[in-house]
Amino acid sequence: MKAGKYLLKLNAYEEEFGNGQTNTGFTNYNIDVIQVPTSLEIIIEEEIEPGTNAQIRVVLHDQTGESIESTAKITVENNKSRAIEQVEQSTNEILEIPILYNEKSSTWTIIAESNELTTEITFLIIEKKDLEISLVNNTVTITNVGNVFYNDSVTIKIGNESVFLDVNLKVDETQEYKLSAPNGEYEVTIIGTNGEELIQ
């Protein structure tokens, strides 16, 4: 039964054969049906991109699925079962866990406990290929700011000429490339593998 206040009506009577109901009486009672914690739910995106925040929400449900305001102990563990975060906070509140830009792709676990109920769920930190590129004084600096080894090509357009660079960088590794061209002014555009302009 859904939690809330209800009016309970009691009717009492005596039945005599042939005379129907006699000696009738009634009384009313106010009753309060309370919320009983029956299930615990963790809500989070299944896949999280490095460099963003994992947003975790724990919901405690009663006997009819309605949420109950309470507190929950939340533990976030990495793929080596090491606790990254452990907090106690109100249910229905969002807990944000920052995921480093270079965090390796792996599966993490969230464990929630509240009102003698325990539940757990996993989420995946996905692979992300990403470069940070700067152009200063005819020098192109490329840094791998993703979370996987970068092994791809980058196109540098100097005016109408194109140069293809094979970029092989470990995570956080940096490589510099010196640009040269005949005297003059040129528009320089750096294009990634998918055709996106990385710098202009």
N, C-alpha and C. Protein backbone atom coordinates (compact mmCIF):
# COMPACT_ATOMS: atom_id res chain seq x y z
N MET A 1 0.84 -1.18 0.00
CA MET A 1 0.00 0.00 0.00
C MET A 1 0.88 1.24 0.00
N LYS A 2 0.46 2.25 -0.75
CA LYS A 2 1.22 3.48 -0.84
C LYS A 2 1.25 4.18 0.49
N ALA A 3 2.42 4.76 0.81
CA ALA A 3 2.55 5.48 2.08
C ALA A 3 1.62 6.69 2.09
N GLY A 4 1.07 6.98 3.28
CA GLY A 4 0.19 8.13 3.43
C GLY A 4 -0.78 7.93 4.58
N LYS A 5 -1.65 8.91 4.78
CA LYS A 5 -2.65 8.85 5.86
C LYS A 5 -3.97 8.32 5.29
N TYR A 6 -4.58 7.39 6.02
CA TYR A 6 -5.84 6.77 5.58
C TYR A 6 -6.84 6.79 6.72
N LEU A 7 -8.12 6.82 6.34
CA LEU A 7 -9.20 6.72 7.31
C LEU A 7 -9.75 5.30 7.27
N LEU A 8 -9.72 4.63 8.41
CA LEU A 8 -10.22 3.26 8.53
C LEU A 8 -11.56 3.29 9.24
N LYS A 9 -12.60 2.81 8.59
CA LYS A 9 -13.95 2.81 9.17
C LYS A 9 -14.30 1.38 9.61
N LEU A 10 -14.68 1.21 10.87
CA LEU A 10 -15.08 -0.09 11.41
C LEU A 10 -16.56 -0.06 11.74
N ASN A 11 -17.32 -1.00 11.22
CA ASN A 11 -18.74 -1.14 11.52
C ASN A 11 -18.98 -2.50 12.19
N ALA A 12 -19.68 -2.48 13.31
CA ALA A 12 -20.02 -3.72 14.03
C ALA A 12 -21.54 -3.80 14.19
N TYR A 13 -22.05 -5.02 14.09
CA TYR A 13 -23.50 -5.20 14.24
C TYR A 13 -23.78 -6.64 14.62
N GLU A 14 -25.04 -6.84 15.07
CA GLU A 14 -25.52 -8.19 15.41
C GLU A 14 -26.64 -8.53 14.44
N GLU A 15 -26.67 -9.76 13.99
CA GLU A 15 -27.73 -10.18 13.08
C GLU A 15 -28.66 -11.16 13.78
N GLU A 16 -29.93 -10.87 13.74
CA GLU A 16 -30.94 -11.78 14.30
C GLU A 16 -31.75 -12.36 13.14
N PHE A 17 -32.01 -13.63 13.26
CA PHE A 17 -32.78 -14.30 12.21
C PHE A 17 -34.16 -13.66 12.10
N GLY A 18 -34.42 -13.15 10.89
CA GLY A 18 -35.73 -12.56 10.66
C GLY A 18 -35.78 -11.08 10.98
N ASN A 19 -34.90 -10.59 11.84
CA ASN A 19 -34.93 -9.16 12.21
C ASN A 19 -33.81 -8.35 11.57
N GLY A 20 -32.93 -8.98 10.79
CA GLY A 20 -31.83 -8.25 10.14
C GLY A 20 -30.77 -7.82 11.14
N GLN A 21 -30.18 -6.71 10.87
CA GLN A 21 -29.08 -6.23 11.70
C GLN A 21 -29.61 -5.41 12.87
N THR A 22 -29.09 -5.72 14.04
CA THR A 22 -29.45 -4.96 15.24
C THR A 22 -28.17 -4.64 16.00
N ASN A 23 -28.32 -3.84 17.03
CA ASN A 23 -27.17 -3.46 17.87
C ASN A 23 -25.97 -3.04 17.01
N THR A 24 -26.20 -2.06 16.16
CA THR A 24 -25.11 -1.59 15.28
C THR A 24 -24.26 -0.54 15.98
N GLY A 25 -23.05 -0.47 15.52
CA GLY A 25 -22.13 0.56 16.04
C GLY A 25 -20.98 0.75 15.04
N PHE A 26 -20.32 1.87 15.14
CA PHE A 26 -19.19 2.12 14.23
C PHE A 26 -18.17 3.01 14.93
N THR A 27 -16.97 2.99 14.37
CA THR A 27 -15.91 3.89 14.84
C THR A 27 -14.93 4.10 13.70
N ASN A 28 -14.25 5.22 13.73
CA ASN A 28 -13.26 5.55 12.71
C ASN A 28 -11.86 5.65 13.32
N TYR A 29 -10.87 5.20 12.56
CA TYR A 29 -9.48 5.32 13.00
C TYR A 29 -8.67 5.97 11.88
N ASN A 30 -7.77 6.84 12.26
CA ASN A 30 -6.79 7.37 11.31
C ASN A 30 -5.54 6.49 11.38
N ILE A 31 -5.11 6.01 10.22
CA ILE A 31 -3.89 5.19 10.21
C ILE A 31 -2.86 5.83 9.28
N ASP A 32 -1.60 5.62 9.60
CA ASP A 32 -0.50 6.19 8.82
C ASP A 32 0.36 5.05 8.29
N VAL A 33 0.34 4.87 6.96
CA VAL A 33 1.17 3.84 6.33
C VAL A 33 2.52 4.48 6.00
N ILE A 34 3.58 3.92 6.57
CA ILE A 34 4.91 4.51 6.39
C ILE A 34 5.61 3.93 5.17
N GLN A 35 6.65 4.65 4.73
CA GLN A 35 7.48 4.15 3.64
C GLN A 35 8.44 3.10 4.18
N VAL A 36 8.50 1.97 3.51
CA VAL A 36 9.40 0.89 3.89
C VAL A 36 10.45 0.73 2.80
N PRO A 37 11.75 0.93 3.12
CA PRO A 37 12.79 0.77 2.10
C PRO A 37 12.82 -0.66 1.57
N THR A 38 12.69 -0.81 0.26
CA THR A 38 12.67 -2.16 -0.33
C THR A 38 13.73 -2.36 -1.41
N SER A 39 14.22 -1.28 -2.05
CA SER A 39 15.24 -1.45 -3.08
C SER A 39 16.10 -0.19 -3.20
N LEU A 40 17.31 -0.41 -3.69
CA LEU A 40 18.29 0.66 -3.83
C LEU A 40 18.77 0.68 -5.28
N GLU A 41 18.79 1.86 -5.88
CA GLU A 41 19.15 1.97 -7.29
C GLU A 41 20.28 2.98 -7.46
N ILE A 42 21.24 2.65 -8.33
CA ILE A 42 22.31 3.57 -8.70
C ILE A 42 22.08 4.01 -10.15
N ILE A 43 22.09 5.32 -10.37
CA ILE A 43 21.86 5.85 -11.72
C ILE A 43 23.14 6.53 -12.19
N ILE A 44 23.65 6.08 -13.34
CA ILE A 44 24.87 6.65 -13.94
C ILE A 44 24.90 6.26 -15.41
N GLU A 45 25.56 7.09 -16.23
CA GLU A 45 25.77 6.73 -17.63
C GLU A 45 26.66 5.48 -17.68
N GLU A 46 26.39 4.59 -18.63
CA GLU A 46 27.17 3.35 -18.72
C GLU A 46 28.59 3.59 -19.22
N GLU A 47 28.77 4.64 -20.04
CA GLU A 47 30.09 4.94 -20.59
C GLU A 47 30.45 6.39 -20.28
N ILE A 48 31.66 6.59 -19.75
CA ILE A 48 32.12 7.91 -19.35
C ILE A 48 33.36 8.26 -20.15
N GLU A 49 33.41 9.48 -20.67
CA GLU A 49 34.56 9.94 -21.44
C GLU A 49 35.61 10.52 -20.51
N PRO A 50 36.88 10.18 -20.71
CA PRO A 50 37.94 10.78 -19.89
C PRO A 50 37.91 12.30 -20.00
N GLY A 51 38.26 12.98 -18.91
CA GLY A 51 38.25 14.44 -18.91
C GLY A 51 36.90 15.03 -18.57
N THR A 52 35.94 14.18 -18.21
CA THR A 52 34.62 14.65 -17.79
C THR A 52 34.34 14.14 -16.37
N ASN A 53 33.17 14.49 -15.85
CA ASN A 53 32.78 14.03 -14.52
C ASN A 53 31.75 12.91 -14.63
N ALA A 54 31.97 11.85 -13.85
CA ALA A 54 30.95 10.81 -13.72
C ALA A 54 29.91 11.31 -12.73
N GLN A 55 28.66 11.35 -13.13
CA GLN A 55 27.59 11.84 -12.26
C GLN A 55 26.79 10.64 -11.73
N ILE A 56 26.82 10.49 -10.41
CA ILE A 56 26.23 9.32 -9.76
C ILE A 56 25.06 9.78 -8.88
N ARG A 57 23.95 9.08 -8.99
CA ARG A 57 22.80 9.37 -8.12
C ARG A 57 22.27 8.06 -7.57
N VAL A 58 22.05 8.04 -6.25
CA VAL A 58 21.53 6.84 -5.58
C VAL A 58 20.09 7.14 -5.15
N VAL A 59 19.19 6.22 -5.51
CA VAL A 59 17.77 6.39 -5.17
C VAL A 59 17.32 5.21 -4.32
N LEU A 60 16.72 5.53 -3.18
CA LEU A 60 16.14 4.51 -2.30
C LEU A 60 14.64 4.47 -2.56
N HIS A 61 14.11 3.26 -2.85
CA HIS A 61 12.70 3.11 -3.20
C HIS A 61 11.93 2.43 -2.07
N ASP A 62 10.65 2.82 -1.94
CA ASP A 62 9.80 2.18 -0.94
C ASP A 62 9.00 1.04 -1.58
N GLN A 63 7.98 0.57 -0.86
CA GLN A 63 7.21 -0.60 -1.30
C GLN A 63 6.44 -0.39 -2.59
N THR A 64 6.22 0.86 -2.99
CA THR A 64 5.49 1.11 -4.24
C THR A 64 6.39 1.76 -5.30
N GLY A 65 7.70 1.80 -5.05
CA GLY A 65 8.62 2.37 -6.03
C GLY A 65 8.88 3.85 -5.85
N GLU A 66 8.19 4.50 -4.91
CA GLU A 66 8.43 5.92 -4.65
C GLU A 66 9.79 6.08 -3.98
N SER A 67 10.42 7.25 -4.19
CA SER A 67 11.73 7.47 -3.59
C SER A 67 11.59 7.91 -2.13
N ILE A 68 12.58 7.53 -1.34
CA ILE A 68 12.62 7.86 0.09
C ILE A 68 13.83 8.75 0.33
N GLU A 69 13.61 9.83 1.07
CA GLU A 69 14.73 10.69 1.46
C GLU A 69 15.49 10.01 2.59
N SER A 70 16.76 9.77 2.36
CA SER A 70 17.59 9.12 3.37
C SER A 70 19.05 9.46 3.07
N THR A 71 19.97 8.72 3.67
CA THR A 71 21.39 8.88 3.35
C THR A 71 21.93 7.56 2.81
N ALA A 72 22.98 7.66 2.04
CA ALA A 72 23.59 6.46 1.46
C ALA A 72 25.11 6.60 1.52
N LYS A 73 25.76 5.47 1.73
CA LYS A 73 27.22 5.42 1.67
C LYS A 73 27.59 4.96 0.26
N ILE A 74 28.39 5.76 -0.43
CA ILE A 74 28.74 5.47 -1.82
C ILE A 74 30.25 5.26 -1.92
N THR A 75 30.64 4.14 -2.51
CA THR A 75 32.05 3.82 -2.72
C THR A 75 32.29 3.64 -4.21
N VAL A 76 33.31 4.34 -4.74
CA VAL A 76 33.68 4.20 -6.15
C VAL A 76 35.05 3.52 -6.19
N GLU A 77 35.12 2.38 -6.89
CA GLU A 77 36.37 1.62 -6.97
C GLU A 77 36.84 1.55 -8.42
N ASN A 78 38.17 1.62 -8.61
CA ASN A 78 38.71 1.47 -9.95
C ASN A 78 38.80 0.00 -10.33
N ASN A 79 39.39 -0.29 -11.50
CA ASN A 79 39.43 -1.68 -11.97
C ASN A 79 40.35 -2.57 -11.14
N LYS A 80 41.12 -1.98 -10.21
CA LYS A 80 41.96 -2.76 -9.32
C LYS A 80 41.36 -2.87 -7.93
N SER A 81 40.05 -2.57 -7.83
CA SER A 81 39.29 -2.65 -6.57
C SER A 81 39.83 -1.69 -5.50
N ARG A 82 40.50 -0.62 -5.95
CA ARG A 82 40.98 0.38 -5.00
C ARG A 82 39.96 1.50 -4.93
N ALA A 83 39.59 1.89 -3.70
CA ALA A 83 38.58 2.93 -3.51
C ALA A 83 39.12 4.28 -3.96
N ILE A 84 38.45 4.88 -4.95
CA ILE A 84 38.80 6.20 -5.44
C ILE A 84 38.09 7.27 -4.62
N GLU A 85 36.86 6.97 -4.23
CA GLU A 85 36.04 7.91 -3.46
C GLU A 85 35.12 7.12 -2.56
N GLN A 86 34.91 7.65 -1.33
CA GLN A 86 33.94 7.04 -0.42
C GLN A 86 33.30 8.16 0.38
N VAL A 87 32.00 8.34 0.19
CA VAL A 87 31.29 9.44 0.85
C VAL A 87 29.95 8.94 1.38
N GLU A 88 29.41 9.71 2.30
CA GLU A 88 28.04 9.48 2.76
C GLU A 88 27.27 10.76 2.48
N GLN A 89 26.19 10.62 1.73
CA GLN A 89 25.41 11.81 1.37
C GLN A 89 23.94 11.44 1.20
N SER A 90 23.12 12.47 1.01
CA SER A 90 21.68 12.25 0.87
C SER A 90 21.38 11.52 -0.43
N THR A 91 20.37 10.66 -0.37
CA THR A 91 19.91 10.00 -1.59
C THR A 91 19.31 11.07 -2.51
N ASN A 92 19.26 10.77 -3.79
CA ASN A 92 18.75 11.67 -4.83
C ASN A 92 19.68 12.84 -5.14
N GLU A 93 20.76 13.00 -4.39
CA GLU A 93 21.74 14.04 -4.71
C GLU A 93 22.77 13.49 -5.70
N ILE A 94 23.29 14.37 -6.55
CA ILE A 94 24.28 13.93 -7.55
C ILE A 94 25.68 14.04 -6.96
N LEU A 95 26.43 12.95 -7.08
CA LEU A 95 27.84 12.93 -6.69
C LEU A 95 28.67 12.97 -7.97
N GLU A 96 29.56 13.95 -8.09
CA GLU A 96 30.40 14.07 -9.28
C GLU A 96 31.81 13.59 -8.98
N ILE A 97 32.26 12.66 -9.80
CA ILE A 97 33.62 12.12 -9.67
C ILE A 97 34.40 12.51 -10.93
N PRO A 98 35.43 13.38 -10.79
CA PRO A 98 36.21 13.76 -11.98
C PRO A 98 37.04 12.60 -12.50
N ILE A 99 36.96 12.38 -13.81
CA ILE A 99 37.76 11.35 -14.47
C ILE A 99 38.89 12.06 -15.22
N LEU A 100 40.13 11.73 -14.89
CA LEU A 100 41.27 12.38 -15.51
C LEU A 100 41.27 12.18 -17.03
N TYR A 101 41.79 13.18 -17.75
CA TYR A 101 41.81 13.11 -19.22
C TYR A 101 42.62 11.92 -19.73
N ASN A 102 43.62 11.48 -18.94
CA ASN A 102 44.48 10.38 -19.39
C ASN A 102 44.22 9.07 -18.65
N GLU A 103 43.07 9.00 -17.97
CA GLU A 103 42.70 7.76 -17.27
C GLU A 103 42.51 6.64 -18.29
N LYS A 104 43.17 5.51 -18.08
CA LYS A 104 43.08 4.40 -19.02
C LYS A 104 41.65 3.86 -19.11
N SER A 105 41.33 3.32 -20.27
CA SER A 105 40.02 2.70 -20.45
C SER A 105 39.92 1.47 -19.54
N SER A 106 38.90 1.44 -18.70
CA SER A 106 38.72 0.32 -17.76
C SER A 106 37.31 0.39 -17.18
N THR A 107 36.97 -0.66 -16.47
CA THR A 107 35.64 -0.74 -15.85
C THR A 107 35.76 -0.44 -14.35
N TRP A 108 34.98 0.52 -13.89
CA TRP A 108 34.95 0.90 -12.48
C TRP A 108 33.65 0.42 -11.85
N THR A 109 33.64 0.31 -10.53
CA THR A 109 32.48 -0.20 -9.80
C THR A 109 32.00 0.82 -8.78
N ILE A 110 30.68 0.93 -8.66
CA ILE A 110 30.07 1.78 -7.63
C ILE A 110 29.26 0.88 -6.71
N ILE A 111 29.48 1.05 -5.41
CA ILE A 111 28.74 0.28 -4.39
C ILE A 111 27.98 1.28 -3.52
N ALA A 112 26.69 1.04 -3.35
CA ALA A 112 25.87 1.93 -2.52
C ALA A 112 25.22 1.12 -1.41
N GLU A 113 25.17 1.71 -0.19
CA GLU A 113 24.56 1.07 0.97
C GLU A 113 23.63 2.07 1.66
N SER A 114 22.43 1.62 1.99
CA SER A 114 21.47 2.48 2.70
C SER A 114 20.38 1.61 3.31
N ASN A 115 20.06 1.87 4.57
CA ASN A 115 18.96 1.18 5.25
C ASN A 115 19.05 -0.33 5.12
N GLU A 116 20.24 -0.87 5.32
CA GLU A 116 20.51 -2.31 5.27
C GLU A 116 20.34 -2.91 3.88
N LEU A 117 20.31 -2.06 2.86
CA LEU A 117 20.26 -2.52 1.48
C LEU A 117 21.58 -2.17 0.81
N THR A 118 22.06 -3.06 -0.07
CA THR A 118 23.31 -2.84 -0.78
C THR A 118 23.10 -3.17 -2.26
N THR A 119 23.67 -2.34 -3.12
CA THR A 119 23.63 -2.62 -4.55
C THR A 119 24.92 -2.13 -5.19
N GLU A 120 25.25 -2.69 -6.34
CA GLU A 120 26.44 -2.22 -7.05
C GLU A 120 26.21 -2.23 -8.54
N ILE A 121 26.99 -1.40 -9.24
CA ILE A 121 26.86 -1.26 -10.69
C ILE A 121 28.24 -0.93 -11.24
N THR A 122 28.46 -1.21 -12.52
CA THR A 122 29.74 -0.88 -13.14
C THR A 122 29.53 0.14 -14.26
N PHE A 123 30.58 0.89 -14.55
CA PHE A 123 30.56 1.78 -15.72
C PHE A 123 31.92 1.72 -16.39
N LEU A 124 31.94 2.08 -17.67
CA LEU A 124 33.15 1.96 -18.48
C LEU A 124 33.72 3.34 -18.79
N ILE A 125 35.02 3.51 -18.52
CA ILE A 125 35.75 4.68 -19.01
C ILE A 125 36.22 4.32 -20.41
N ILE A 126 35.74 5.05 -21.39
CA ILE A 126 35.99 4.67 -22.79
C ILE A 126 37.35 5.14 -23.27
N GLU A 127 37.79 4.57 -24.39
CA GLU A 127 39.03 5.03 -25.03
C GLU A 127 38.77 6.36 -25.73
N LYS A 128 39.76 7.24 -25.65
CA LYS A 128 39.61 8.55 -26.29
C LYS A 128 40.94 8.95 -26.94
N LYS A 129 40.91 9.12 -28.27
CA LYS A 129 42.08 9.63 -28.99
C LYS A 129 41.95 11.14 -29.09
N ASP A 130 42.96 11.86 -28.61
CA ASP A 130 42.87 13.31 -28.63
C ASP A 130 44.27 13.92 -28.67
N LEU A 131 44.40 14.99 -29.45
CA LEU A 131 45.67 15.69 -29.55
C LEU A 131 45.49 17.15 -29.14
N GLU A 132 46.56 17.69 -28.57
CA GLU A 132 46.62 19.13 -28.32
C GLU A 132 47.72 19.67 -29.23
N ILE A 133 47.37 20.65 -30.07
CA ILE A 133 48.31 21.13 -31.08
C ILE A 133 48.47 22.64 -30.95
N SER A 134 49.71 23.10 -31.02
CA SER A 134 49.97 24.54 -31.02
C SER A 134 50.98 24.86 -32.11
N LEU A 135 50.91 26.08 -32.63
CA LEU A 135 51.83 26.53 -33.68
C LEU A 135 52.45 27.84 -33.22
N VAL A 136 53.75 27.81 -32.91
CA VAL A 136 54.46 29.00 -32.43
C VAL A 136 55.79 29.08 -33.17
N ASN A 137 56.03 30.25 -33.81
CA ASN A 137 57.31 30.50 -34.48
C ASN A 137 57.71 29.35 -35.43
N ASN A 138 56.81 29.00 -36.31
CA ASN A 138 57.06 27.96 -37.33
C ASN A 138 57.29 26.56 -36.75
N THR A 139 56.96 26.39 -35.48
CA THR A 139 57.11 25.07 -34.85
C THR A 139 55.74 24.56 -34.42
N VAL A 140 55.40 23.37 -34.92
CA VAL A 140 54.15 22.72 -34.52
C VAL A 140 54.45 21.77 -33.36
N THR A 141 53.75 21.95 -32.26
CA THR A 141 53.91 21.08 -31.09
C THR A 141 52.66 20.23 -30.94
N ILE A 142 52.82 18.92 -30.94
CA ILE A 142 51.68 17.99 -30.84
C ILE A 142 51.85 17.16 -29.57
N THR A 143 50.83 17.16 -28.74
CA THR A 143 50.84 16.39 -27.48
C THR A 143 49.65 15.44 -27.46
N ASN A 144 49.89 14.20 -27.05
CA ASN A 144 48.81 13.22 -26.92
C ASN A 144 48.11 13.46 -25.59
N VAL A 145 46.90 14.04 -25.66
CA VAL A 145 46.13 14.30 -24.43
C VAL A 145 44.93 13.35 -24.34
N GLY A 146 45.00 12.24 -25.05
CA GLY A 146 43.98 11.20 -24.92
C GLY A 146 44.40 10.20 -23.86
N ASN A 147 43.75 9.04 -23.87
CA ASN A 147 44.11 8.01 -22.89
C ASN A 147 44.59 6.71 -23.56
N VAL A 148 44.91 6.81 -24.88
CA VAL A 148 45.44 5.65 -25.61
C VAL A 148 46.62 6.10 -26.48
N PHE A 149 47.42 5.15 -26.88
CA PHE A 149 48.54 5.43 -27.79
C PHE A 149 47.99 6.02 -29.08
N TYR A 150 48.56 7.14 -29.53
CA TYR A 150 48.08 7.79 -30.75
C TYR A 150 48.96 7.36 -31.91
N ASN A 151 48.37 6.68 -32.87
CA ASN A 151 49.10 6.19 -34.03
C ASN A 151 48.26 6.49 -35.26
N ASP A 152 48.41 7.71 -35.77
CA ASP A 152 47.58 8.14 -36.88
C ASP A 152 48.30 9.24 -37.63
N SER A 153 47.66 9.73 -38.66
CA SER A 153 48.30 10.78 -39.46
C SER A 153 47.61 12.12 -39.24
N VAL A 154 48.40 13.18 -39.43
CA VAL A 154 47.91 14.55 -39.35
C VAL A 154 48.38 15.25 -40.62
N THR A 155 47.51 16.03 -41.22
CA THR A 155 47.84 16.76 -42.44
C THR A 155 48.11 18.23 -42.11
N ILE A 156 49.24 18.73 -42.58
CA ILE A 156 49.55 20.15 -42.41
C ILE A 156 49.50 20.80 -43.79
N LYS A 157 48.60 21.77 -43.96
CA LYS A 157 48.49 22.49 -45.23
C LYS A 157 49.17 23.84 -45.08
N ILE A 158 50.20 24.07 -45.90
CA ILE A 158 50.89 25.36 -45.93
C ILE A 158 50.58 25.97 -47.29
N GLY A 159 49.68 26.92 -47.29
CA GLY A 159 49.20 27.46 -48.56
C GLY A 159 48.46 26.37 -49.30
N ASN A 160 48.94 26.03 -50.52
CA ASN A 160 48.29 24.99 -51.32
C ASN A 160 48.99 23.64 -51.20
N GLU A 161 50.09 23.61 -50.45
CA GLU A 161 50.86 22.38 -50.29
C GLU A 161 50.41 21.62 -49.03
N SER A 162 50.40 20.29 -49.12
CA SER A 162 50.01 19.46 -47.98
C SER A 162 51.16 18.54 -47.59
N VAL A 163 51.38 18.45 -46.29
CA VAL A 163 52.41 17.55 -45.75
C VAL A 163 51.71 16.59 -44.80
N PHE A 164 52.00 15.29 -44.95
CA PHE A 164 51.37 14.29 -44.10
C PHE A 164 52.36 13.83 -43.02
N LEU A 165 51.94 13.92 -41.78
CA LEU A 165 52.77 13.50 -40.66
C LEU A 165 52.22 12.23 -40.05
N ASP A 166 53.09 11.24 -39.86
CA ASP A 166 52.70 10.05 -39.10
C ASP A 166 53.01 10.34 -37.64
N VAL A 167 51.95 10.45 -36.85
CA VAL A 167 52.11 10.80 -35.44
C VAL A 167 52.00 9.53 -34.61
N ASN A 168 53.06 9.24 -33.86
CA ASN A 168 53.08 8.08 -32.97
C ASN A 168 53.49 8.58 -31.58
N LEU A 169 52.51 8.74 -30.72
CA LEU A 169 52.77 9.32 -29.41
C LEU A 169 52.14 8.50 -28.30
N LYS A 170 52.91 8.25 -27.25
CA LYS A 170 52.35 7.65 -26.04
C LYS A 170 51.49 8.69 -25.33
N VAL A 171 50.71 8.28 -24.38
CA VAL A 171 49.89 9.20 -23.60
C VAL A 171 50.79 10.23 -22.93
N ASP A 172 50.45 11.50 -23.08
CA ASP A 172 51.18 12.65 -22.52
C ASP A 172 52.51 12.93 -23.21
N GLU A 173 52.85 12.18 -24.25
CA GLU A 173 54.10 12.43 -24.96
C GLU A 173 53.92 13.58 -25.95
N THR A 174 55.01 14.37 -26.13
CA THR A 174 54.98 15.55 -27.01
C THR A 174 56.03 15.42 -28.09
N GLN A 175 55.69 15.89 -29.30
CA GLN A 175 56.64 15.90 -30.41
C GLN A 175 56.56 17.26 -31.09
N GLU A 176 57.71 17.80 -31.49
CA GLU A 176 57.75 19.08 -32.20
C GLU A 176 58.16 18.86 -33.65
N TYR A 177 57.56 19.67 -34.54
CA TYR A 177 57.86 19.60 -35.97
C TYR A 177 58.14 21.01 -36.46
N LYS A 178 59.25 21.18 -37.15
CA LYS A 178 59.63 22.48 -37.68
C LYS A 178 59.06 22.64 -39.08
N LEU A 179 58.38 23.76 -39.34
CA LEU A 179 57.80 24.01 -40.65
C LEU A 179 58.73 24.91 -41.45
N SER A 180 58.82 24.64 -42.74
CA SER A 180 59.62 25.51 -43.62
C SER A 180 58.91 25.65 -44.96
N ALA A 181 59.10 26.81 -45.57
CA ALA A 181 58.51 27.10 -46.88
C ALA A 181 59.26 28.28 -47.47
N PRO A 182 59.17 28.47 -48.78
CA PRO A 182 59.80 29.65 -49.39
C PRO A 182 59.27 30.93 -48.76
N ASN A 183 60.07 31.99 -48.85
CA ASN A 183 59.67 33.27 -48.25
C ASN A 183 58.28 33.68 -48.73
N GLY A 184 57.49 34.21 -47.81
CA GLY A 184 56.14 34.67 -48.13
C GLY A 184 55.21 34.43 -46.96
N GLU A 185 53.97 34.85 -47.14
CA GLU A 185 52.96 34.64 -46.11
C GLU A 185 52.06 33.49 -46.54
N TYR A 186 51.80 32.59 -45.58
CA TYR A 186 51.01 31.39 -45.88
C TYR A 186 49.94 31.19 -44.81
N GLU A 187 48.85 30.63 -45.26
CA GLU A 187 47.83 30.18 -44.29
C GLU A 187 48.15 28.73 -43.95
N VAL A 188 48.27 28.46 -42.65
CA VAL A 188 48.61 27.10 -42.19
C VAL A 188 47.38 26.48 -41.55
N THR A 189 47.01 25.30 -42.02
CA THR A 189 45.88 24.57 -41.45
C THR A 189 46.34 23.17 -41.10
N ILE A 190 45.97 22.71 -39.90
CA ILE A 190 46.32 21.36 -39.47
C ILE A 190 45.03 20.56 -39.38
N ILE A 191 45.01 19.44 -40.09
CA ILE A 191 43.77 18.66 -40.22
C ILE A 191 44.01 17.26 -39.65
N GLY A 192 43.07 16.80 -38.82
CA GLY A 192 43.15 15.47 -38.22
C GLY A 192 42.70 14.39 -39.17
N THR A 193 42.73 13.16 -38.71
CA THR A 193 42.40 12.00 -39.55
C THR A 193 40.97 12.03 -40.05
N ASN A 194 40.06 12.55 -39.22
CA ASN A 194 38.64 12.54 -39.59
C ASN A 194 38.25 13.77 -40.41
N GLY A 195 39.25 14.58 -40.79
CA GLY A 195 38.94 15.76 -41.60
C GLY A 195 38.64 17.00 -40.80
N GLU A 196 38.70 16.92 -39.48
CA GLU A 196 38.41 18.10 -38.67
C GLU A 196 39.63 19.01 -38.60
N GLU A 197 39.41 20.31 -38.62
CA GLU A 197 40.51 21.26 -38.52
C GLU A 197 40.92 21.36 -37.06
N LEU A 198 42.18 21.02 -36.78
CA LEU A 198 42.67 21.05 -35.41
C LEU A 198 43.21 22.41 -35.05
N ILE A 199 43.78 23.11 -36.01
CA ILE A 199 44.30 24.46 -35.76
C ILE A 199 44.40 25.18 -37.10
N GLN A 200 44.19 26.50 -37.08
CA GLN A 200 44.29 27.28 -38.33
C GLN A 200 44.90 28.63 -38.00
